[in-house]
């Protein structure tokens, strides 16, 4: 295949019922060799960097990229490798961890809304508000501890209400010029086990691992159920989910970079054209700089 593929095969269609057991965590490599992988990724990064410059100047849209996955699926490295050529002035990465006391005192979308990207900028969420229908669903004691009225015993009605809130928010953002793409990096439990062992064996990766990671593996099936429900209910035409096979990091990065590139290509980006008044002003500036006042 060597870089060529149809991204539609990874996209969750609106109202599609997702069964993650039917989605592969590994596909045939999208590159003929390691050198070809690096060449393809460099090409993607180079084009993305050029498009970002026009995107920033065009200033009509914002872009929000959301990455969700089980631990060790490669979110950090995917973001780093794919977005390495982006001008940091126009891109911000936010990693959402345990909410602070202040964040607990607001609605579950508040902390993410506070850091949404403005026009001309790319926002990347490494985890996101979706944690509130994923880890919170697997561990409902989180919701109980928040002391939310009516959520003393989390029910399906609560989760459906949160899905509606998310869909409404994403629809609002889309109507106001934010382009949203969401990636679920689909990792197998065996590949996660291998990557956890690497974190134990490599001193430079020890800090990324704890016994809590082992404990969470016991809830794998619960997480797959939570993800399937979330993906099925929050995939939309304008804020699509892509289920990216993540056992092969290199192929996952090529899939993600290709989808992001296609998003930027679809926006018909252009540098602003100078109107008559602006053209006159520029001519005056040229005369001044040329010493011809």
C-alpha atoms as a PDB file:
ATOM      1  CA  UNK A   1       0.000   0.000   0.000  1.00  0.00           C
ATOM      2  CA  UNK A   2       2.914   2.333   0.829  1.00  0.00           C
ATOM      3  CA  UNK A   3       0.927   5.314   2.124  1.00  0.00           C
ATOM      4  CA  UNK A   4      -2.190   4.905  -0.022  1.00  0.00           C
ATOM      5  CA  UNK A   5      -5.459   4.118   1.733  1.00  0.00           C
ATOM      6  CA  UNK A   6      -9.058   5.257   2.028  1.00  0.00           C
ATOM      7  CA  UNK A   7      -9.574   7.072   5.335  1.00  0.00           C
ATOM      8  CA  UNK A   8     -13.313   6.379   5.114  1.00  0.00           C
ATOM      9  CA  UNK A   9     -12.690   2.819   6.253  1.00  0.00           C
ATOM     10  CA  UNK A  10     -11.705   4.136   9.688  1.00  0.00           C
ATOM     11  CA  UNK A  11     -14.528   6.673  10.049  1.00  0.00           C
ATOM     12  CA  UNK A  12     -17.518   6.010  12.283  1.00  0.00           C
ATOM     13  CA  UNK A  13     -20.702   6.924  10.430  1.00  0.00           C
ATOM     14  CA  UNK A  14     -23.395   8.916  12.256  1.00  0.00           C
ATOM     15  CA  UNK A  15     -25.813   6.611  14.125  1.00  0.00           C
ATOM     16  CA  UNK A  16     -23.553   3.607  13.432  1.00  0.00           C
ATOM     17  CA  UNK A  17     -23.541   1.035  16.198  1.00  0.00           C
ATOM     18  CA  UNK A  18     -19.895   0.386  17.021  1.00  0.00           C
ATOM     19  CA  UNK A  19     -18.639  -3.037  18.054  1.00  0.00           C
ATOM     20  CA  UNK A  20     -14.927  -2.584  18.715  1.00  0.00           C
ATOM     21  CA  UNK A  21     -14.289  -6.320  18.444  1.00  0.00           C
ATOM     22  CA  UNK A  22     -15.033  -5.898  14.725  1.00  0.00           C
ATOM     23  CA  UNK A  23     -12.374  -3.208  14.269  1.00  0.00           C
ATOM     24  CA  UNK A  24      -8.745  -4.260  13.777  1.00  0.00           C
ATOM     25  CA  UNK A  25      -6.011  -3.031  16.083  1.00  0.00           C
ATOM     26  CA  UNK A  26      -3.404  -3.892  13.425  1.00  0.00           C
ATOM     27  CA  UNK A  27      -3.506  -3.660   9.634  1.00  0.00           C
ATOM     28  CA  UNK A  28      -0.919  -4.415   6.924  1.00  0.00           C
ATOM     29  CA  UNK A  29       1.754  -1.689   7.105  1.00  0.00           C
ATOM     30  CA  UNK A  30       1.034   1.458   5.113  1.00  0.00           C
ATOM     31  CA  UNK A  31       4.741   1.694   4.226  1.00  0.00           C
ATOM     32  CA  UNK A  32       7.090  -0.627   2.346  1.00  0.00           C
ATOM     33  CA  UNK A  33      10.028  -0.016   4.689  1.00  0.00           C
ATOM     34  CA  UNK A  34      11.082   2.113   7.624  1.00  0.00           C
ATOM     35  CA  UNK A  35      12.759   4.585   5.280  1.00  0.00           C
ATOM     36  CA  UNK A  36       9.556   4.874   3.234  1.00  0.00           C
ATOM     37  CA  UNK A  37       7.572   5.504   6.420  1.00  0.00           C
ATOM     38  CA  UNK A  38       9.868   8.391   7.336  1.00  0.00           C
ATOM     39  CA  UNK A  39       9.691   9.777   3.812  1.00  0.00           C
ATOM     40  CA  UNK A  40       5.881   9.673   3.717  1.00  0.00           C
ATOM     41  CA  UNK A  41       5.561  11.232   7.163  1.00  0.00           C
ATOM     42  CA  UNK A  42       8.039  13.996   6.250  1.00  0.00           C
ATOM     43  CA  UNK A  43       5.957  14.764   3.163  1.00  0.00           C
ATOM     44  CA  UNK A  44       2.769  14.937   5.253  1.00  0.00           C
ATOM     45  CA  UNK A  45       4.394  17.138   7.897  1.00  0.00           C
ATOM     46  CA  UNK A  46       5.851  19.475   5.257  1.00  0.00           C
ATOM     47  CA  UNK A  47       2.519  19.970   3.520  1.00  0.00           C
ATOM     48  CA  UNK A  48       0.722  20.389   6.834  1.00  0.00           C
ATOM     49  CA  UNK A  49       3.215  23.077   7.857  1.00  0.00           C
ATOM     50  CA  UNK A  50       2.598  24.982   4.609  1.00  0.00           C
ATOM     51  CA  UNK A  51      -1.171  24.692   4.982  1.00  0.00           C
ATOM     52  CA  UNK A  52      -0.987  25.911   8.567  1.00  0.00           C
ATOM     53  CA  UNK A  53       0.626  29.152   7.417  1.00  0.00           C
ATOM     54  CA  UNK A  54      -2.285  29.839   5.062  1.00  0.00           C
ATOM     55  CA  UNK A  55      -4.773  28.660   7.706  1.00  0.00           C
ATOM     56  CA  UNK A  56      -3.352  31.145  10.217  1.00  0.00           C
ATOM     57  CA  UNK A  57      -3.493  34.016   7.723  1.00  0.00           C
ATOM     58  CA  UNK A  58      -6.936  33.038   6.408  1.00  0.00           C
ATOM     59  CA  UNK A  59      -8.305  33.347   9.961  1.00  0.00           C
ATOM     60  CA  UNK A  60     -11.779  31.970   9.187  1.00  0.00           C
ATOM     61  CA  UNK A  61     -11.634  28.668  11.030  1.00  0.00           C
ATOM     62  CA  UNK A  62     -10.302  27.001  14.147  1.00  0.00           C
ATOM     63  CA  UNK A  63      -9.301  23.327  14.286  1.00  0.00           C
ATOM     64  CA  UNK A  64      -9.837  21.016  17.251  1.00  0.00           C
ATOM     65  CA  UNK A  65      -8.139  17.596  17.202  1.00  0.00           C
ATOM     66  CA  UNK A  66      -9.148  15.177  19.953  1.00  0.00           C
ATOM     67  CA  UNK A  67      -7.136  12.077  20.863  1.00  0.00           C
ATOM     68  CA  UNK A  68      -8.615   9.365  23.091  1.00  0.00           C
ATOM     69  CA  UNK A  69      -7.195   5.932  23.825  1.00  0.00           C
ATOM     70  CA  UNK A  70      -6.290   3.378  26.429  1.00  0.00           C
ATOM     71  CA  UNK A  71      -2.963   3.885  28.216  1.00  0.00           C
ATOM     72  CA  UNK A  72       0.145   3.230  26.067  1.00  0.00           C
ATOM     73  CA  UNK A  73      -1.779   3.508  22.784  1.00  0.00           C
ATOM     74  CA  UNK A  74       0.648   6.180  21.576  1.00  0.00           C
ATOM     75  CA  UNK A  75      -1.276   9.457  21.868  1.00  0.00           C
ATOM     76  CA  UNK A  76       1.760  11.478  22.960  1.00  0.00           C
ATOM     77  CA  UNK A  77       4.095  10.117  20.301  1.00  0.00           C
ATOM     78  CA  UNK A  78       1.467  10.424  17.563  1.00  0.00           C
ATOM     79  CA  UNK A  79       0.877  14.088  18.392  1.00  0.00           C
ATOM     80  CA  UNK A  80       4.626  14.717  18.574  1.00  0.00           C
ATOM     81  CA  UNK A  81       5.499  13.036  15.281  1.00  0.00           C
ATOM     82  CA  UNK A  82       2.573  14.325  13.226  1.00  0.00           C
ATOM     83  CA  UNK A  83       2.554  17.906  14.502  1.00  0.00           C
ATOM     84  CA  UNK A  84       6.324  18.391  14.725  1.00  0.00           C
ATOM     85  CA  UNK A  85       6.439  20.863  11.819  1.00  0.00           C
ATOM     86  CA  UNK A  86       3.621  23.072  13.077  1.00  0.00           C
ATOM     87  CA  UNK A  87       4.399  26.636  14.145  1.00  0.00           C
ATOM     88  CA  UNK A  88       3.941  26.531  17.949  1.00  0.00           C
ATOM     89  CA  UNK A  89       2.517  30.066  17.892  1.00  0.00           C
ATOM     90  CA  UNK A  90      -0.570  28.711  16.172  1.00  0.00           C
ATOM     91  CA  UNK A  91      -0.963  25.400  18.006  1.00  0.00           C
ATOM     92  CA  UNK A  92      -1.641  24.412  21.608  1.00  0.00           C
ATOM     93  CA  UNK A  93      -1.748  20.953  23.173  1.00  0.00           C
ATOM     94  CA  UNK A  94      -3.832  20.448  26.305  1.00  0.00           C
ATOM     95  CA  UNK A  95      -3.569  17.274  28.365  1.00  0.00           C
ATOM     96  CA  UNK A  96      -6.572  16.733  30.612  1.00  0.00           C
ATOM     97  CA  UNK A  97      -5.856  14.861  33.812  1.00  0.00           C
ATOM     98  CA  UNK A  98      -7.756  14.683  37.091  1.00  0.00           C
ATOM     99  CA  UNK A  99     -10.001  17.756  37.481  1.00  0.00           C
ATOM    100  CA  UNK A 100      -8.977  20.343  40.037  1.00  0.00           C
ATOM    101  CA  UNK A 101     -11.259  21.422  42.882  1.00  0.00           C
ATOM    102  CA  UNK A 102     -12.228  24.503  40.874  1.00  0.00           C
ATOM    103  CA  UNK A 103     -13.036  22.385  37.811  1.00  0.00           C
ATOM    104  CA  UNK A 104     -15.174  20.025  39.901  1.00  0.00           C
ATOM    105  CA  UNK A 105     -17.282  23.025  40.909  1.00  0.00           C
ATOM    106  CA  UNK A 106     -18.324  23.654  37.288  1.00  0.00           C
ATOM    107  CA  UNK A 107     -20.157  21.611  34.676  1.00  0.00           C
ATOM    108  CA  UNK A 108     -18.176  18.816  33.048  1.00  0.00           C
ATOM    109  CA  UNK A 109     -17.533  20.787  29.837  1.00  0.00           C
ATOM    110  CA  UNK A 110     -16.293  23.954  31.543  1.00  0.00           C
ATOM    111  CA  UNK A 111     -12.576  23.219  31.736  1.00  0.00           C
ATOM    112  CA  UNK A 112     -12.311  22.197  28.088  1.00  0.00           C
ATOM    113  CA  UNK A 113     -14.410  25.126  26.865  1.00  0.00           C
ATOM    114  CA  UNK A 114     -11.955  27.469  28.585  1.00  0.00           C
ATOM    115  CA  UNK A 115      -9.104  26.345  26.302  1.00  0.00           C
ATOM    116  CA  UNK A 116     -10.829  25.934  22.947  1.00  0.00           C
ATOM    117  CA  UNK A 117      -8.776  27.216  19.983  1.00  0.00           C
ATOM    118  CA  UNK A 118      -9.496  30.616  18.498  1.00  0.00           C
ATOM    119  CA  UNK A 119      -9.754  31.250  14.759  1.00  0.00           C
ATOM    120  CA  UNK A 120      -6.513  30.593  12.921  1.00  0.00           C
ATOM    121  CA  UNK A 121      -5.296  28.223  15.635  1.00  0.00           C
ATOM    122  CA  UNK A 122      -5.086  24.470  16.120  1.00  0.00           C
ATOM    123  CA  UNK A 123      -6.133  23.030  19.465  1.00  0.00           C
ATOM    124  CA  UNK A 124      -5.088  19.481  20.354  1.00  0.00           C
ATOM    125  CA  UNK A 125      -6.773  17.706  23.253  1.00  0.00           C
ATOM    126  CA  UNK A 126      -4.768  14.787  24.627  1.00  0.00           C
ATOM    127  CA  UNK A 127      -7.752  13.243  26.358  1.00  0.00           C
ATOM    128  CA  UNK A 128     -10.710  15.572  26.654  1.00  0.00           C
ATOM    129  CA  UNK A 129     -14.228  16.096  27.918  1.00  0.00           C
ATOM    130  CA  UNK A 130     -14.873  12.571  26.658  1.00  0.00           C
ATOM    131  CA  UNK A 131     -13.190  11.281  29.821  1.00  0.00           C
ATOM    132  CA  UNK A 132     -16.441  12.247  31.548  1.00  0.00           C
ATOM    133  CA  UNK A 133     -18.296   9.499  29.656  1.00  0.00           C
ATOM    134  CA  UNK A 134     -15.383   7.025  29.614  1.00  0.00           C
ATOM    135  CA  UNK A 135     -13.381   6.715  32.837  1.00  0.00           C
ATOM    136  CA  UNK A 136     -16.298   8.214  34.761  1.00  0.00           C
ATOM    137  CA  UNK A 137     -18.564   5.517  33.344  1.00  0.00           C
ATOM    138  CA  UNK A 138     -16.146   2.728  34.164  1.00  0.00           C
ATOM    139  CA  UNK A 139     -15.644   4.185  37.633  1.00  0.00           C
ATOM    140  CA  UNK A 140     -19.032   5.699  38.553  1.00  0.00           C
ATOM    141  CA  UNK A 141     -17.712   6.586  42.005  1.00  0.00           C
ATOM    142  CA  UNK A 142     -16.114   9.559  40.256  1.00  0.00           C
ATOM    143  CA  UNK A 143     -19.557  10.952  39.440  1.00  0.00           C
ATOM    144  CA  UNK A 144     -20.823  10.202  42.927  1.00  0.00           C
ATOM    145  CA  UNK A 145     -17.879  12.077  44.459  1.00  0.00           C
ATOM    146  CA  UNK A 146     -18.762  15.166  42.420  1.00  0.00           C
ATOM    147  CA  UNK A 147     -22.041  15.424  44.385  1.00  0.00           C
ATOM    148  CA  UNK A 148     -24.049  16.350  41.276  1.00  0.00           C
ATOM    149  CA  UNK A 149     -27.759  16.614  41.944  1.00  0.00           C
ATOM    150  CA  UNK A 150     -29.562  13.630  40.443  1.00  0.00           C
ATOM    151  CA  UNK A 151     -26.328  11.662  39.912  1.00  0.00           C
ATOM    152  CA  UNK A 152     -26.136   9.960  43.285  1.00  0.00           C
ATOM    153  CA  UNK A 153     -26.577   6.679  41.384  1.00  0.00           C
ATOM    154  CA  UNK A 154     -25.266   7.103  37.797  1.00  0.00           C
ATOM    155  CA  UNK A 155     -27.716   5.699  35.264  1.00  0.00           C
ATOM    156  CA  UNK A 156     -28.010   5.334  31.498  1.00  0.00           C
ATOM    157  CA  UNK A 157     -30.087   8.501  31.520  1.00  0.00           C
ATOM    158  CA  UNK A 158     -27.111  10.413  32.934  1.00  0.00           C
ATOM    159  CA  UNK A 159     -24.756   9.183  30.197  1.00  0.00           C
ATOM    160  CA  UNK A 160     -27.272   9.874  27.441  1.00  0.00           C
ATOM    161  CA  UNK A 161     -27.688  13.385  28.829  1.00  0.00           C
ATOM    162  CA  UNK A 162     -23.934  13.918  28.685  1.00  0.00           C
ATOM    163  CA  UNK A 163     -23.804  12.625  25.122  1.00  0.00           C
ATOM    164  CA  UNK A 164     -26.484  15.169  24.192  1.00  0.00           C
ATOM    165  CA  UNK A 165     -24.504  17.953  25.865  1.00  0.00           C
ATOM    166  CA  UNK A 166     -21.366  16.961  23.941  1.00  0.00           C
ATOM    167  CA  UNK A 167     -23.213  16.714  20.625  1.00  0.00           C
ATOM    168  CA  UNK A 168     -24.874  20.085  21.185  1.00  0.00           C
ATOM    169  CA  UNK A 169     -21.554  21.718  22.059  1.00  0.00           C
ATOM    170  CA  UNK A 170     -19.764  20.256  19.040  1.00  0.00           C
ATOM    171  CA  UNK A 171     -22.642  21.342  16.791  1.00  0.00           C
ATOM    172  CA  UNK A 172     -22.380  24.861  18.222  1.00  0.00           C
ATOM    173  CA  UNK A 173     -18.611  24.946  17.648  1.00  0.00           C
ATOM    174  CA  UNK A 174     -19.012  23.702  14.079  1.00  0.00           C
ATOM    175  CA  UNK A 175     -21.616  26.360  13.294  1.00  0.00           C
ATOM    176  CA  UNK A 176     -19.156  28.963  14.552  1.00  0.00           C
ATOM    177  CA  UNK A 177     -16.223  27.869  12.409  1.00  0.00           C
ATOM    178  CA  UNK A 178     -14.422  25.200  14.458  1.00  0.00           C
ATOM    179  CA  UNK A 179     -13.477  22.091  12.499  1.00  0.00           C
ATOM    180  CA  UNK A 180     -13.443  19.029  14.775  1.00  0.00           C
ATOM    181  CA  UNK A 181     -11.815  15.659  14.156  1.00  0.00           C
ATOM    182  CA  UNK A 182     -11.661  12.950  16.834  1.00  0.00           C
ATOM    183  CA  UNK A 183      -9.282   9.977  16.925  1.00  0.00           C
ATOM    184  CA  UNK A 184      -9.643   6.819  18.971  1.00  0.00           C
ATOM    185  CA  UNK A 185      -6.326   4.939  18.871  1.00  0.00           C
ATOM    186  CA  UNK A 186      -7.475   1.325  19.017  1.00  0.00           C
ATOM    187  CA  UNK A 187      -4.931  -0.783  20.910  1.00  0.00           C
ATOM    188  CA  UNK A 188      -5.073  -4.490  21.720  1.00  0.00           C
ATOM    189  CA  UNK A 189      -4.601  -5.634  25.337  1.00  0.00           C
ATOM    190  CA  UNK A 190      -1.620  -7.772  24.302  1.00  0.00           C
ATOM    191  CA  UNK A 191       0.132  -4.825  22.652  1.00  0.00           C
ATOM    192  CA  UNK A 192      -0.533  -2.732  25.735  1.00  0.00           C
ATOM    193  CA  UNK A 193       1.052  -5.471  27.845  1.00  0.00           C
ATOM    194  CA  UNK A 194       4.191  -5.376  25.664  1.00  0.00           C
ATOM    195  CA  UNK A 195       4.437  -1.599  25.894  1.00  0.00           C
ATOM    196  CA  UNK A 196       3.997  -1.681  29.665  1.00  0.00           C
ATOM    197  CA  UNK A 197       6.867  -4.169  29.889  1.00  0.00           C
ATOM    198  CA  UNK A 198       9.016  -1.775  27.824  1.00  0.00           C
ATOM    199  CA  UNK A 199       8.217   0.999  30.292  1.00  0.00           C
ATOM    200  CA  UNK A 200       9.377  -1.216  33.138  1.00  0.00           C
ATOM    201  CA  UNK A 201      12.571  -2.322  31.338  1.00  0.00           C
ATOM    202  CA  UNK A 202      13.614   1.151  30.156  1.00  0.00           C
ATOM    203  CA  UNK A 203      14.712   3.526  32.941  1.00  0.00           C
ATOM    204  CA  UNK A 204      13.818   6.549  30.821  1.00  0.00           C
ATOM    205  CA  UNK A 205      10.219   5.306  30.664  1.00  0.00           C
ATOM    206  CA  UNK A 206       9.758   4.149  34.267  1.00  0.00           C
ATOM    207  CA  UNK A 207       8.095   7.445  35.155  1.00  0.00           C
ATOM    208  CA  UNK A 208       5.272   6.700  32.699  1.00  0.00           C
ATOM    209  CA  UNK A 209       4.198   3.546  34.534  1.00  0.00           C
ATOM    210  CA  UNK A 210       2.558   2.745  37.868  1.00  0.00           C
ATOM    211  CA  UNK A 211       0.653  -0.052  39.554  1.00  0.00           C
ATOM    212  CA  UNK A 212      -2.532   1.879  38.773  1.00  0.00           C
ATOM    213  CA  UNK A 213      -1.955   1.054  35.098  1.00  0.00           C
ATOM    214  CA  UNK A 214      -2.050  -2.648  35.951  1.00  0.00           C
ATOM    215  CA  UNK A 215      -5.228  -2.158  37.965  1.00  0.00           C
ATOM    216  CA  UNK A 216      -6.962  -0.442  35.049  1.00  0.00           C
ATOM    217  CA  UNK A 217      -6.302  -3.431  32.779  1.00  0.00           C
ATOM    218  CA  UNK A 218      -8.833  -5.357  34.852  1.00  0.00           C
ATOM    219  CA  UNK A 219     -11.524  -3.037  33.474  1.00  0.00           C
ATOM    220  CA  UNK A 220     -10.611  -3.535  29.809  1.00  0.00           C
ATOM    221  CA  UNK A 221     -14.009  -4.927  28.769  1.00  0.00           C
ATOM    222  CA  UNK A 222     -15.790  -2.141  30.653  1.00  0.00           C
ATOM    223  CA  UNK A 223     -13.701   0.449  28.830  1.00  0.00           C
ATOM    224  CA  UNK A 224     -14.448  -1.143  25.458  1.00  0.00           C
ATOM    225  CA  UNK A 225     -18.151  -0.988  26.257  1.00  0.00           C
ATOM    226  CA  UNK A 226     -17.854   2.679  27.305  1.00  0.00           C
ATOM    227  CA  UNK A 227     -15.886   3.555  24.167  1.00  0.00           C
ATOM    228  CA  UNK A 228     -18.311   1.712  21.890  1.00  0.00           C
ATOM    229  CA  UNK A 229     -21.286   3.538  23.381  1.00  0.00           C
ATOM    230  CA  UNK A 230     -19.488   6.884  23.172  1.00  0.00           C
ATOM    231  CA  UNK A 231     -18.307   6.424  19.583  1.00  0.00           C
ATOM    232  CA  UNK A 232     -21.748   5.249  18.476  1.00  0.00           C
ATOM    233  CA  UNK A 233     -23.544   8.194  20.038  1.00  0.00           C
ATOM    234  CA  UNK A 234     -21.202  11.130  19.417  1.00  0.00           C
ATOM    235  CA  UNK A 235     -20.045  10.507  15.835  1.00  0.00           C
ATOM    236  CA  UNK A 236     -21.508  13.155  13.540  1.00  0.00           C
ATOM    237  CA  UNK A 237     -21.024  14.428  10.014  1.00  0.00           C
ATOM    238  CA  UNK A 238     -19.207  17.543  11.171  1.00  0.00           C
ATOM    239  CA  UNK A 239     -17.369  16.091  14.184  1.00  0.00           C
ATOM    240  CA  UNK A 240     -16.364  12.601  13.032  1.00  0.00           C
ATOM    241  CA  UNK A 241     -14.672   9.860  15.000  1.00  0.00           C
ATOM    242  CA  UNK A 242     -11.915   7.768  13.397  1.00  0.00           C
ATOM    243  CA  UNK A 243     -11.017   4.392  14.883  1.00  0.00           C
ATOM    244  CA  UNK A 244      -7.297   4.128  14.168  1.00  0.00           C
ATOM    245  CA  UNK A 245      -5.539   0.730  14.465  1.00  0.00           C
ATOM    246  CA  UNK A 246      -2.757   1.514  16.946  1.00  0.00           C
ATOM    247  CA  UNK A 247      -0.744  -1.687  17.425  1.00  0.00           C
ATOM    248  CA  UNK A 248       1.602  -0.441  14.683  1.00  0.00           C
ATOM    249  CA  UNK A 249       2.631   3.078  15.720  1.00  0.00           C
ATOM    250  CA  UNK A 250       3.978   4.008  12.298  1.00  0.00           C
ATOM    251  CA  UNK A 251       0.808   3.128  10.401  1.00  0.00           C
ATOM    252  CA  UNK A 252      -1.280   4.901  13.043  1.00  0.00           C
ATOM    253  CA  UNK A 253       0.719   8.102  12.548  1.00  0.00           C
ATOM    254  CA  UNK A 254       0.318   7.934   8.769  1.00  0.00           C
ATOM    255  CA  UNK A 255      -3.434   7.459   9.125  1.00  0.00           C
ATOM    256  CA  UNK A 256      -3.741  10.401  11.506  1.00  0.00           C
ATOM    257  CA  UNK A 257      -1.526  12.698   9.432  1.00  0.00           C
ATOM    258  CA  UNK A 258      -3.438  11.837   6.247  1.00  0.00           C
ATOM    259  CA  UNK A 259      -6.799  12.597   7.861  1.00  0.00           C
ATOM    260  CA  UNK A 260      -5.560  15.918   9.262  1.00  0.00           C
ATOM    261  CA  UNK A 261      -4.122  16.851   5.877  1.00  0.00           C
ATOM    262  CA  UNK A 262      -7.428  16.087   4.186  1.00  0.00           C
ATOM    263  CA  UNK A 263      -9.200  18.303   6.715  1.00  0.00           C
ATOM    264  CA  UNK A 264      -6.943  21.261   5.912  1.00  0.00           C
ATOM    265  CA  UNK A 265      -7.196  20.679   2.166  1.00  0.00           C
ATOM    266  CA  UNK A 266     -10.990  20.700   2.388  1.00  0.00           C
ATOM    267  CA  UNK A 267     -11.145  24.231   3.831  1.00  0.00           C
ATOM    268  CA  UNK A 268     -10.183  26.042   0.591  1.00  0.00           C
ATOM    269  CA  UNK A 269      -7.674  28.156   2.496  1.00  0.00           C
ATOM    270  CA  UNK A 270      -6.409  31.385   0.945  1.00  0.00           C
ATOM    271  CA  UNK A 271      -4.199  34.263   1.912  1.00  0.00           C
ATOM    272  CA  UNK A 272      -6.349  37.391   2.406  1.00  0.00           C
ATOM    273  CA  UNK A 273      -6.629  39.506  -0.741  1.00  0.00           C
ATOM    274  CA  UNK A 274      -5.906  43.223  -0.437  1.00  0.00           C
ATOM    275  CA  UNK A 275      -8.914  45.411  -1.190  1.00  0.00           C
ATOM    276  CA  UNK A 276      -8.643  48.859  -2.850  1.00  0.00           C
ATOM    277  CA  UNK A 277      -7.991  50.724   0.412  1.00  0.00           C
ATOM    278  CA  UNK A 278      -5.460  48.159   1.573  1.00  0.00           C
ATOM    279  CA  UNK A 279      -3.706  48.225  -1.813  1.00  0.00           C
ATOM    280  CA  UNK A 280      -3.483  52.003  -1.616  1.00  0.00           C
ATOM    281  CA  UNK A 281      -2.045  51.770   1.901  1.00  0.00           C
ATOM    282  CA  UNK A 282       0.573  49.229   0.782  1.00  0.00           C
ATOM    283  CA  UNK A 283       1.636  51.474  -2.095  1.00  0.00           C
ATOM    284  CA  UNK A 284       2.069  54.354   0.331  1.00  0.00           C
ATOM    285  CA  UNK A 285       4.180  52.129   2.584  1.00  0.00           C
ATOM    286  CA  UNK A 286       6.338  51.127  -0.370  1.00  0.00           C
ATOM    287  CA  UNK A 287       6.929  54.751  -1.353  1.00  0.00           C
ATOM    288  CA  UNK A 288       7.902  55.584   2.247  1.00  0.00           C
ATOM    289  CA  UNK A 289      10.316  52.642   2.519  1.00  0.00           C
ATOM    290  CA  UNK A 290      11.793  53.473  -0.881  1.00  0.00           C
ATOM    291  CA  UNK A 291      12.449  57.090   0.154  1.00  0.00           C
ATOM    292  CA  UNK A 292       9.859  58.390  -2.324  1.00  0.00           C
ATOM    293  CA  UNK A 293       7.517  60.312  -0.048  1.00  0.00           C
END
